[in-house]
Amino acid sequence: MLAYYSTAAHADFWTEHWGGHTVDELLAIAAVSPLTDLITAALPRQGVVLEAGCGLGQYVILLPQRGWRTAGADASLAALATARLATPVPLAASDLRALAIRSGSVAAYISLGVVEHDPDGPDAILAEARRVLAPGAILIVSVPYLNGARHLGAPWIRRRARAMAAAGGAFYQYAFSRRELVAVLARHGFVTQAAHPYDPARVLRGALPRAVVARGRRRSAAPPGRRPAAGPAASRGRLAALVRRVLYTGPALRLLGHMLLVVARRP
């Protein structure tokens, strides 16, 4: 595992984080995200799907629209209060290491970008996930992926983490290789069925708004007769589609995938 240090991922941190988003914004993203296709392909049609660490609740809202029964749990009261305004789905404020849920009562458990934030590692959360899942139920968990680029940069990342810790920085998260995450799940009796790196365009998405804003400012500042013409929408669409196809090839995902989604089954 590769440790990152920054701002600690405590409840106040997540309250601030989710406060920068809206339910509608995240729901619109989830509706068209390739991640959603990976999740829905793995879910059983019967029983309750629990999202542990649901945040503003985009998946506990979206999945019922597509035929699933859901419930959500999260440590952030503010995020849950916002989510409750958008859905009647059962939501609970809870420590994910001690859920107020009957053992063996859940058909599927989803946890997206959560277990990596426990400085003691993911074991306590995963042990509780196993407890609430019924025999034969599905676990879907995603974590930051120790991809090819991060593997190459690991010495620098570790040096930076040590420097931040020495300067008073707090633990933030772990990144996992596929082998490491599969091994952790096996410790808790889960049998891995599939592993999918995803979100290879994170860096591009982060840079795009700044580039678009800068271009818009340059066009606005130029004299009317010298403003550059906008490129054809069709050409931009074809380019975006090409970039997407390249980024979602196997080699690109192993090199650049930001997150790793694993689907496992409780025997």
C-alpha atoms as a PDB file:
ATOM      1  CA  MET A   1       0.000   0.000   0.000  1.00  0.00           C
ATOM      2  CA  LEU A   2       1.129   3.523  -0.715  1.00  0.00           C
ATOM      3  CA  ALA A   3       0.260   6.070   1.987  1.00  0.00           C
ATOM      4  CA  TYR A   4      -0.632   9.695   1.295  1.00  0.00           C
ATOM      5  CA  TYR A   5      -0.532  12.483   3.862  1.00  0.00           C
ATOM      6  CA  SER A   6      -2.518  15.688   3.692  1.00  0.00           C
ATOM      7  CA  THR A   7      -5.695  16.782   5.465  1.00  0.00           C
ATOM      8  CA  ALA A   8      -7.119  14.018   7.641  1.00  0.00           C
ATOM      9  CA  ALA A   9     -10.309  12.471   6.250  1.00  0.00           C
ATOM     10  CA  HIS A  10     -12.396  13.004   9.397  1.00  0.00           C
ATOM     11  CA  ALA A  11     -16.101  13.873   9.570  1.00  0.00           C
ATOM     12  CA  ASP A  12     -15.536  17.633   9.331  1.00  0.00           C
ATOM     13  CA  PHE A  13     -13.363  17.123   6.277  1.00  0.00           C
ATOM     14  CA  TRP A  14     -16.141  15.197   4.510  1.00  0.00           C
ATOM     15  CA  THR A  15     -18.762  17.736   5.526  1.00  0.00           C
ATOM     16  CA  GLU A  16     -16.664  20.429   3.867  1.00  0.00           C
ATOM     17  CA  HIS A  17     -15.949  18.211   0.871  1.00  0.00           C
ATOM     18  CA  TRP A  18     -19.591  17.369   0.167  1.00  0.00           C
ATOM     19  CA  GLY A  19     -20.571  20.990   0.746  1.00  0.00           C
ATOM     20  CA  GLY A  20     -18.764  21.831  -2.493  1.00  0.00           C
ATOM     21  CA  HIS A  21     -21.152  19.661  -4.523  1.00  0.00           C
ATOM     22  CA  THR A  22     -24.880  19.276  -5.098  1.00  0.00           C
ATOM     23  CA  VAL A  23     -26.997  16.131  -5.299  1.00  0.00           C
ATOM     24  CA  ASP A  24     -28.165  17.036  -8.807  1.00  0.00           C
ATOM     25  CA  GLU A  25     -24.585  17.548 -10.004  1.00  0.00           C
ATOM     26  CA  LEU A  26     -23.394  14.168  -8.712  1.00  0.00           C
ATOM     27  CA  LEU A  27     -26.541  12.390  -9.852  1.00  0.00           C
ATOM     28  CA  ALA A  28     -26.071  13.704 -13.410  1.00  0.00           C
ATOM     29  CA  ILE A  29     -22.472  12.444 -13.420  1.00  0.00           C
ATOM     30  CA  ALA A  30     -23.452   9.022 -12.048  1.00  0.00           C
ATOM     31  CA  ALA A  31     -26.217   8.638 -14.650  1.00  0.00           C
ATOM     32  CA  VAL A  32     -23.689   8.538 -17.508  1.00  0.00           C
ATOM     33  CA  SER A  33     -20.550   7.308 -15.740  1.00  0.00           C
ATOM     34  CA  PRO A  34     -18.809   4.081 -16.884  1.00  0.00           C
ATOM     35  CA  LEU A  35     -18.464   3.326 -13.172  1.00  0.00           C
ATOM     36  CA  THR A  36     -22.238   3.010 -12.903  1.00  0.00           C
ATOM     37  CA  ASP A  37     -22.266   0.356 -15.621  1.00  0.00           C
ATOM     38  CA  LEU A  38     -19.624  -1.643 -13.727  1.00  0.00           C
ATOM     39  CA  ILE A  39     -21.667  -1.416 -10.523  1.00  0.00           C
ATOM     40  CA  THR A  40     -25.055  -2.311 -11.975  1.00  0.00           C
ATOM     41  CA  ALA A  41     -23.633  -5.250 -13.936  1.00  0.00           C
ATOM     42  CA  ALA A  42     -22.521  -6.821 -10.638  1.00  0.00           C
ATOM     43  CA  LEU A  43     -25.572  -6.171  -8.453  1.00  0.00           C
ATOM     44  CA  PRO A  44     -28.185  -8.819  -7.664  1.00  0.00           C
ATOM     45  CA  ARG A  45     -31.752  -7.826  -8.491  1.00  0.00           C
ATOM     46  CA  GLN A  46     -33.229  -9.033  -5.202  1.00  0.00           C
ATOM     47  CA  GLY A  47     -32.578  -7.742  -1.692  1.00  0.00           C
ATOM     48  CA  VAL A  48     -31.280  -4.502  -0.220  1.00  0.00           C
ATOM     49  CA  VAL A  49     -28.200  -2.769  -1.604  1.00  0.00           C
ATOM     50  CA  LEU A  50     -26.324  -0.841   1.102  1.00  0.00           C
ATOM     51  CA  GLU A  51     -23.983   1.975   0.136  1.00  0.00           C
ATOM     52  CA  ALA A  52     -21.540   2.467   3.011  1.00  0.00           C
ATOM     53  CA  GLY A  53     -20.131   5.969   2.750  1.00  0.00           C
ATOM     54  CA  CYS A  54     -22.934   7.258   0.539  1.00  0.00           C
ATOM     55  CA  GLY A  55     -22.118  10.977   0.904  1.00  0.00           C
ATOM     56  CA  LEU A  56     -24.793  13.022  -0.866  1.00  0.00           C
ATOM     57  CA  GLY A  57     -26.476   9.829  -2.003  1.00  0.00           C
ATOM     58  CA  GLN A  58     -26.266   9.862  -5.783  1.00  0.00           C
ATOM     59  CA  TYR A  59     -26.188   6.072  -5.978  1.00  0.00           C
ATOM     60  CA  VAL A  60     -28.834   5.428  -3.349  1.00  0.00           C
ATOM     61  CA  ILE A  61     -31.022   7.731  -5.473  1.00  0.00           C
ATOM     62  CA  LEU A  62     -30.026   6.466  -8.927  1.00  0.00           C
ATOM     63  CA  LEU A  63     -30.220   2.725  -8.272  1.00  0.00           C
ATOM     64  CA  PRO A  64     -33.900   2.732  -7.176  1.00  0.00           C
ATOM     65  CA  GLN A  65     -34.703   4.525 -10.434  1.00  0.00           C
ATOM     66  CA  ARG A  66     -33.291   1.440 -12.148  1.00  0.00           C
ATOM     67  CA  GLY A  67     -35.098  -1.125 -10.046  1.00  0.00           C
ATOM     68  CA  TRP A  68     -32.971  -1.741  -6.928  1.00  0.00           C
ATOM     69  CA  ARG A  69     -33.835  -1.289  -3.240  1.00  0.00           C
ATOM     70  CA  THR A  70     -31.183   0.753  -1.456  1.00  0.00           C
ATOM     71  CA  ALA A  71     -30.121   2.142   1.892  1.00  0.00           C
ATOM     72  CA  GLY A  72     -27.220   4.416   2.779  1.00  0.00           C
ATOM     73  CA  ALA A  73     -24.870   5.096   5.667  1.00  0.00           C
ATOM     74  CA  ASP A  74     -22.306   7.848   6.140  1.00  0.00           C
ATOM     75  CA  ALA A  75     -20.389   9.610   8.908  1.00  0.00           C
ATOM     76  CA  SER A  76     -21.290  13.125   7.710  1.00  0.00           C
ATOM     77  CA  LEU A  77     -24.554  14.378   9.202  1.00  0.00           C
ATOM     78  CA  ALA A  78     -24.530  17.400   6.886  1.00  0.00           C
ATOM     79  CA  ALA A  79     -24.208  15.225   3.761  1.00  0.00           C
ATOM     80  CA  LEU A  80     -27.008  12.948   4.921  1.00  0.00           C
ATOM     81  CA  ALA A  81     -29.263  15.902   5.714  1.00  0.00           C
ATOM     82  CA  THR A  82     -28.794  17.146   2.148  1.00  0.00           C
ATOM     83  CA  ALA A  83     -29.421  13.675   0.723  1.00  0.00           C
ATOM     84  CA  ARG A  84     -32.630  13.283   2.756  1.00  0.00           C
ATOM     85  CA  LEU A  85     -34.092  16.307   0.982  1.00  0.00           C
ATOM     86  CA  ALA A  86     -33.724  14.439  -2.314  1.00  0.00           C
ATOM     87  CA  THR A  87     -34.783  10.881  -1.490  1.00  0.00           C
ATOM     88  CA  PRO A  88     -37.025   8.837   0.843  1.00  0.00           C
ATOM     89  CA  VAL A  89     -34.425   6.014   0.853  1.00  0.00           C
ATOM     90  CA  PRO A  90     -33.399   4.987   4.400  1.00  0.00           C
ATOM     91  CA  LEU A  91     -30.204   6.814   5.418  1.00  0.00           C
ATOM     92  CA  ALA A  92     -28.275   6.518   8.682  1.00  0.00           C
ATOM     93  CA  ALA A  93     -25.388   8.333  10.320  1.00  0.00           C
ATOM     94  CA  SER A  94     -23.003   5.580  11.252  1.00  0.00           C
ATOM     95  CA  ASP A  95     -19.457   4.470  11.903  1.00  0.00           C
ATOM     96  CA  LEU A  96     -18.873   1.996   9.071  1.00  0.00           C
ATOM     97  CA  ARG A  97     -16.919  -0.205  11.491  1.00  0.00           C
ATOM     98  CA  ALA A  98     -20.054  -0.704  13.625  1.00  0.00           C
ATOM     99  CA  LEU A  99     -23.227  -0.614  11.523  1.00  0.00           C
ATOM    100  CA  ALA A 100     -26.627  -0.825  13.198  1.00  0.00           C
ATOM    101  CA  ILE A 101     -27.702  -3.518  10.722  1.00  0.00           C
ATOM    102  CA  ARG A 102     -28.688  -7.116  11.372  1.00  0.00           C
ATOM    103  CA  SER A 103     -26.072  -9.713  10.463  1.00  0.00           C
ATOM    104  CA  GLY A 104     -26.576 -11.394   7.093  1.00  0.00           C
ATOM    105  CA  SER A 105     -29.364  -9.037   6.008  1.00  0.00           C
ATOM    106  CA  VAL A 106     -27.807  -7.209   3.027  1.00  0.00           C
ATOM    107  CA  ALA A 107     -27.727  -8.547  -0.547  1.00  0.00           C
ATOM    108  CA  ALA A 108     -25.012  -6.203  -1.786  1.00  0.00           C
ATOM    109  CA  TYR A 109     -22.607  -3.741  -0.187  1.00  0.00           C
ATOM    110  CA  ILE A 110     -21.121  -0.820  -2.132  1.00  0.00           C
ATOM    111  CA  SER A 111     -18.231   1.266  -0.821  1.00  0.00           C
ATOM    112  CA  LEU A 112     -16.677   3.754  -3.234  1.00  0.00           C
ATOM    113  CA  GLY A 113     -13.523   5.532  -2.141  1.00  0.00           C
ATOM    114  CA  VAL A 114     -14.026   4.972   1.587  1.00  0.00           C
ATOM    115  CA  VAL A 115     -12.018   2.102   3.100  1.00  0.00           C
ATOM    116  CA  GLU A 116      -8.675   3.652   2.132  1.00  0.00           C
ATOM    117  CA  HIS A 117      -9.135   6.542   4.581  1.00  0.00           C
ATOM    118  CA  ASP A 118      -8.759   4.496   7.790  1.00  0.00           C
ATOM    119  CA  PRO A 119      -5.143   4.921   8.960  1.00  0.00           C
ATOM    120  CA  ASP A 120      -5.313   1.426  10.490  1.00  0.00           C
ATOM    121  CA  GLY A 121      -6.145  -0.020   7.100  1.00  0.00           C
ATOM    122  CA  PRO A 122      -9.422  -1.291   5.630  1.00  0.00           C
ATOM    123  CA  ASP A 123      -9.797  -4.410   7.783  1.00  0.00           C
ATOM    124  CA  ALA A 124     -12.293  -3.122  10.356  1.00  0.00           C
ATOM    125  CA  ILE A 125     -14.669  -1.775   7.714  1.00  0.00           C
ATOM    126  CA  LEU A 126     -14.391  -4.920   5.591  1.00  0.00           C
ATOM    127  CA  ALA A 127     -14.983  -7.183   8.601  1.00  0.00           C
ATOM    128  CA  GLU A 128     -18.194  -5.293   9.316  1.00  0.00           C
ATOM    129  CA  ALA A 129     -19.169  -5.502   5.648  1.00  0.00           C
ATOM    130  CA  ARG A 130     -18.805  -9.268   5.790  1.00  0.00           C
ATOM    131  CA  ARG A 131     -20.959  -9.413   8.917  1.00  0.00           C
ATOM    132  CA  VAL A 132     -23.923  -7.582   7.385  1.00  0.00           C
ATOM    133  CA  LEU A 133     -23.759  -9.380   4.026  1.00  0.00           C
ATOM    134  CA  ALA A 134     -25.820 -12.502   3.479  1.00  0.00           C
ATOM    135  CA  PRO A 135     -24.083 -15.696   2.323  1.00  0.00           C
ATOM    136  CA  GLY A 136     -23.535 -15.432  -1.431  1.00  0.00           C
ATOM    137  CA  ALA A 137     -23.963 -11.641  -1.352  1.00  0.00           C
ATOM    138  CA  ILE A 138     -21.895  -9.186  -3.392  1.00  0.00           C
ATOM    139  CA  LEU A 139     -19.277  -6.695  -2.200  1.00  0.00           C
ATOM    140  CA  ILE A 140     -18.319  -3.814  -4.525  1.00  0.00           C
ATOM    141  CA  VAL A 141     -15.431  -1.720  -3.250  1.00  0.00           C
ATOM    142  CA  SER A 142     -13.228   0.883  -4.893  1.00  0.00           C
ATOM    143  CA  VAL A 143      -9.952   2.386  -3.696  1.00  0.00           C
ATOM    144  CA  PRO A 144      -7.215   4.609  -5.160  1.00  0.00           C
ATOM    145  CA  TYR A 145      -5.269   2.454  -7.603  1.00  0.00           C
ATOM    146  CA  LEU A 146      -1.512   1.945  -7.353  1.00  0.00           C
ATOM    147  CA  ASN A 147      -1.304   2.193 -11.144  1.00  0.00           C
ATOM    148  CA  GLY A 148       1.778   2.135 -13.349  1.00  0.00           C
ATOM    149  CA  ALA A 149       2.386   5.862 -13.042  1.00  0.00           C
ATOM    150  CA  ARG A 150       2.079   5.812  -9.244  1.00  0.00           C
ATOM    151  CA  HIS A 151       4.292   2.737  -9.054  1.00  0.00           C
ATOM    152  CA  LEU A 152       7.012   4.593 -10.947  1.00  0.00           C
ATOM    153  CA  GLY A 153       6.548   7.645  -8.744  1.00  0.00           C
ATOM    154  CA  ALA A 154       6.327   5.689  -5.473  1.00  0.00           C
ATOM    155  CA  PRO A 155       9.792   6.699  -4.149  1.00  0.00           C
ATOM    156  CA  TRP A 156       8.940  10.394  -4.591  1.00  0.00           C
ATOM    157  CA  ILE A 157       5.447   9.917  -3.110  1.00  0.00           C
ATOM    158  CA  ARG A 158       6.895   8.180  -0.041  1.00  0.00           C
ATOM    159  CA  ARG A 159       9.514  10.894   0.480  1.00  0.00           C
ATOM    160  CA  ARG A 160       6.843  13.558   0.207  1.00  0.00           C
ATOM    161  CA  ALA A 161       4.585  11.679   2.664  1.00  0.00           C
ATOM    162  CA  ARG A 162       7.418  11.409   5.210  1.00  0.00           C
ATOM    163  CA  ALA A 163       8.161  15.112   4.857  1.00  0.00           C
ATOM    164  CA  MET A 164       4.500  16.048   5.309  1.00  0.00           C
ATOM    165  CA  ALA A 165       4.143  13.768   8.329  1.00  0.00           C
ATOM    166  CA  ALA A 166       7.273  15.280   9.900  1.00  0.00           C
ATOM    167  CA  ALA A 167       5.830  18.751   9.322  1.00  0.00           C
ATOM    168  CA  GLY A 168       2.611  17.873  11.135  1.00  0.00           C
ATOM    169  CA  GLY A 169       0.548  16.600   8.208  1.00  0.00           C
ATOM    170  CA  ALA A 170      -2.063  13.925   8.855  1.00  0.00           C
ATOM    171  CA  PHE A 171      -2.701  10.604   7.144  1.00  0.00           C
ATOM    172  CA  TYR A 172      -5.151  10.916   4.248  1.00  0.00           C
ATOM    173  CA  GLN A 173      -5.429   7.638   2.333  1.00  0.00           C
ATOM    174  CA  TYR A 174      -3.803   4.498   0.973  1.00  0.00           C
ATOM    175  CA  ALA A 175      -3.492   3.462  -2.666  1.00  0.00           C
ATOM    176  CA  PHE A 176      -3.615  -0.274  -3.433  1.00  0.00           C
ATOM    177  CA  SER A 177      -2.347  -2.506  -6.180  1.00  0.00           C
ATOM    178  CA  ARG A 178      -4.779  -5.096  -7.509  1.00  0.00           C
ATOM    179  CA  ARG A 179      -2.881  -7.865  -5.712  1.00  0.00           C
ATOM    180  CA  GLU A 180      -2.942  -5.989  -2.406  1.00  0.00           C
ATOM    181  CA  LEU A 181      -6.671  -5.312  -2.512  1.00  0.00           C
ATOM    182  CA  VAL A 182      -7.505  -8.898  -3.503  1.00  0.00           C
ATOM    183  CA  ALA A 183      -5.352 -10.159  -0.611  1.00  0.00           C
ATOM    184  CA  VAL A 184      -7.088  -7.864   1.893  1.00  0.00           C
ATOM    185  CA  LEU A 185     -10.492  -9.071   0.733  1.00  0.00           C
ATOM    186  CA  ALA A 186      -9.371 -12.708   0.939  1.00  0.00           C
ATOM    187  CA  ARG A 187      -8.400 -12.178   4.600  1.00  0.00           C
ATOM    188  CA  HIS A 188     -12.063 -11.512   5.273  1.00  0.00           C
ATOM    189  CA  GLY A 189     -13.302 -14.476   3.271  1.00  0.00           C
ATOM    190  CA  PHE A 190     -14.282 -12.611   0.101  1.00  0.00           C
ATOM    191  CA  VAL A 191     -13.706 -14.256  -3.262  1.00  0.00           C
ATOM    192  CA  THR A 192     -12.769 -11.709  -5.923  1.00  0.00           C
ATOM    193  CA  GLN A 193     -14.691 -12.050  -9.186  1.00  0.00           C
ATOM    194  CA  ALA A 194     -13.511  -9.021 -11.181  1.00  0.00           C
ATOM    195  CA  ALA A 195     -11.218  -6.007 -10.907  1.00  0.00           C
ATOM    196  CA  HIS A 196     -11.626  -2.844 -12.998  1.00  0.00           C
ATOM    197  CA  PRO A 197      -9.329   0.192 -13.017  1.00  0.00           C
ATOM    198  CA  TYR A 198     -11.339   3.304 -13.886  1.00  0.00           C
ATOM    199  CA  ASP A 199     -11.276   7.095 -14.134  1.00  0.00           C
ATOM    200  CA  PRO A 200      -8.082   7.462 -16.216  1.00  0.00           C
ATOM    201  CA  ALA A 201      -9.055  11.003 -17.243  1.00  0.00           C
ATOM    202  CA  ARG A 202      -8.953  12.538 -13.760  1.00  0.00           C
ATOM    203  CA  VAL A 203      -5.917  14.698 -14.520  1.00  0.00           C
ATOM    204  CA  LEU A 204      -7.432  15.835 -17.807  1.00  0.00           C
ATOM    205  CA  ARG A 205     -10.736  16.669 -16.132  1.00  0.00           C
ATOM    206  CA  GLY A 206      -8.932  18.702 -13.515  1.00  0.00           C
ATOM    207  CA  ALA A 207      -7.068  20.713 -16.143  1.00  0.00           C
ATOM    208  CA  LEU A 208      -9.964  21.184 -18.584  1.00  0.00           C
ATOM    209  CA  PRO A 209     -11.954  23.850 -16.712  1.00  0.00           C
ATOM    210  CA  ARG A 210      -8.880  26.035 -16.321  1.00  0.00           C
ATOM    211  CA  ALA A 211      -8.016  25.664 -20.002  1.00  0.00           C
ATOM    212  CA  VAL A 212     -11.568  26.403 -21.089  1.00  0.00           C
ATOM    213  CA  VAL A 213     -11.756  29.460 -18.849  1.00  0.00           C
ATOM    214  CA  ALA A 214      -8.387  30.733 -20.081  1.00  0.00           C
ATOM    215  CA  ARG A 215      -9.417  30.258 -23.699  1.00  0.00           C
ATOM    216  CA  GLY A 216     -12.697  32.037 -23.097  1.00  0.00           C
ATOM    217  CA  ARG A 217     -10.897  34.968 -21.511  1.00  0.00           C
ATOM    218  CA  ARG A 218      -8.471  35.228 -24.415  1.00  0.00           C
ATOM    219  CA  ARG A 219     -11.340  35.219 -26.925  1.00  0.00           C
ATOM    220  CA  SER A 220     -13.263  37.824 -24.959  1.00  0.00           C
ATOM    221  CA  ALA A 221     -10.236  40.107 -24.685  1.00  0.00           C
ATOM    222  CA  ALA A 222      -9.337  39.955 -28.391  1.00  0.00           C
ATOM    223  CA  PRO A 223     -10.690  42.665 -30.762  1.00  0.00           C
ATOM    224  CA  PRO A 224     -13.857  41.511 -32.572  1.00  0.00           C
ATOM    225  CA  GLY A 225     -12.134  41.149 -35.924  1.00  0.00           C
ATOM    226  CA  ARG A 226      -9.339  39.054 -34.451  1.00  0.00           C
ATOM    227  CA  ARG A 227     -11.253  36.643 -32.233  1.00  0.00           C
ATOM    228  CA  PRO A 228     -10.527  33.010 -33.185  1.00  0.00           C
ATOM    229  CA  ALA A 229     -13.425  31.075 -34.608  1.00  0.00           C
ATOM    230  CA  ALA A 230     -14.805  28.281 -32.490  1.00  0.00           C
ATOM    231  CA  GLY A 231     -13.945  24.783 -33.759  1.00  0.00           C
ATOM    232  CA  PRO A 232     -16.805  22.716 -35.181  1.00  0.00           C
ATOM    233  CA  ALA A 233     -18.735  20.898 -32.465  1.00  0.00           C
ATOM    234  CA  ALA A 234     -18.643  17.672 -34.471  1.00  0.00           C
ATOM    235  CA  SER A 235     -14.850  17.721 -34.643  1.00  0.00           C
ATOM    236  CA  ARG A 236     -14.587  18.315 -30.889  1.00  0.00           C
ATOM    237  CA  GLY A 237     -16.998  15.464 -30.271  1.00  0.00           C
ATOM    238  CA  ARG A 238     -15.013  13.072 -32.438  1.00  0.00           C
ATOM    239  CA  LEU A 239     -11.781  14.059 -30.714  1.00  0.00           C
ATOM    240  CA  ALA A 240     -13.325  13.547 -27.272  1.00  0.00           C
ATOM    241  CA  ALA A 241     -14.623  10.130 -28.314  1.00  0.00           C
ATOM    242  CA  LEU A 242     -11.182   9.148 -29.622  1.00  0.00           C
ATOM    243  CA  VAL A 243      -9.454  10.261 -26.417  1.00  0.00           C
ATOM    244  CA  ARG A 244     -12.001   8.343 -24.363  1.00  0.00           C
ATOM    245  CA  ARG A 245     -11.474   5.144 -26.367  1.00  0.00           C
ATOM    246  CA  VAL A 246      -7.702   5.427 -25.934  1.00  0.00           C
ATOM    247  CA  LEU A 247      -7.929   6.118 -22.192  1.00  0.00           C
ATOM    248  CA  TYR A 248     -10.207   3.118 -21.653  1.00  0.00           C
ATOM    249  CA  THR A 249      -7.918   0.584 -23.281  1.00  0.00           C
ATOM    250  CA  GLY A 250      -6.356  -1.972 -20.954  1.00  0.00           C
ATOM    251  CA  PRO A 251      -2.809  -0.538 -21.047  1.00  0.00           C
ATOM    252  CA  ALA A 252      -4.021   3.032 -20.426  1.00  0.00           C
ATOM    253  CA  LEU A 253      -6.182   1.935 -17.492  1.00  0.00           C
ATOM    254  CA  ARG A 254      -3.308   0.025 -15.900  1.00  0.00           C
ATOM    255  CA  LEU A 255      -1.034   3.035 -16.351  1.00  0.00           C
ATOM    256  CA  LEU A 256      -3.407   5.903 -15.494  1.00  0.00           C
ATOM    257  CA  GLY A 257      -6.520   4.514 -13.821  1.00  0.00           C
ATOM    258  CA  HIS A 258      -7.147   6.661 -10.762  1.00  0.00           C
ATOM    259  CA  MET A 259      -9.342   4.149  -8.935  1.00  0.00           C
ATOM    260  CA  LEU A 260      -9.684   0.375  -8.781  1.00  0.00           C
ATOM    261  CA  LEU A 261     -13.106  -1.264  -8.452  1.00  0.00           C
ATOM    262  CA  VAL A 262     -13.260  -4.863  -7.235  1.00  0.00           C
ATOM    263  CA  VAL A 263     -16.336  -7.079  -7.246  1.00  0.00           C
ATOM    264  CA  ALA A 264     -16.217  -9.919  -4.724  1.00  0.00           C
ATOM    265  CA  ARG A 265     -18.609 -12.459  -3.255  1.00  0.00           C
ATOM    266  CA  ARG A 266     -19.127 -13.585   0.302  1.00  0.00           C
ATOM    267  CA  PRO A 267     -19.200 -17.417   0.238  1.00  0.00           C
END
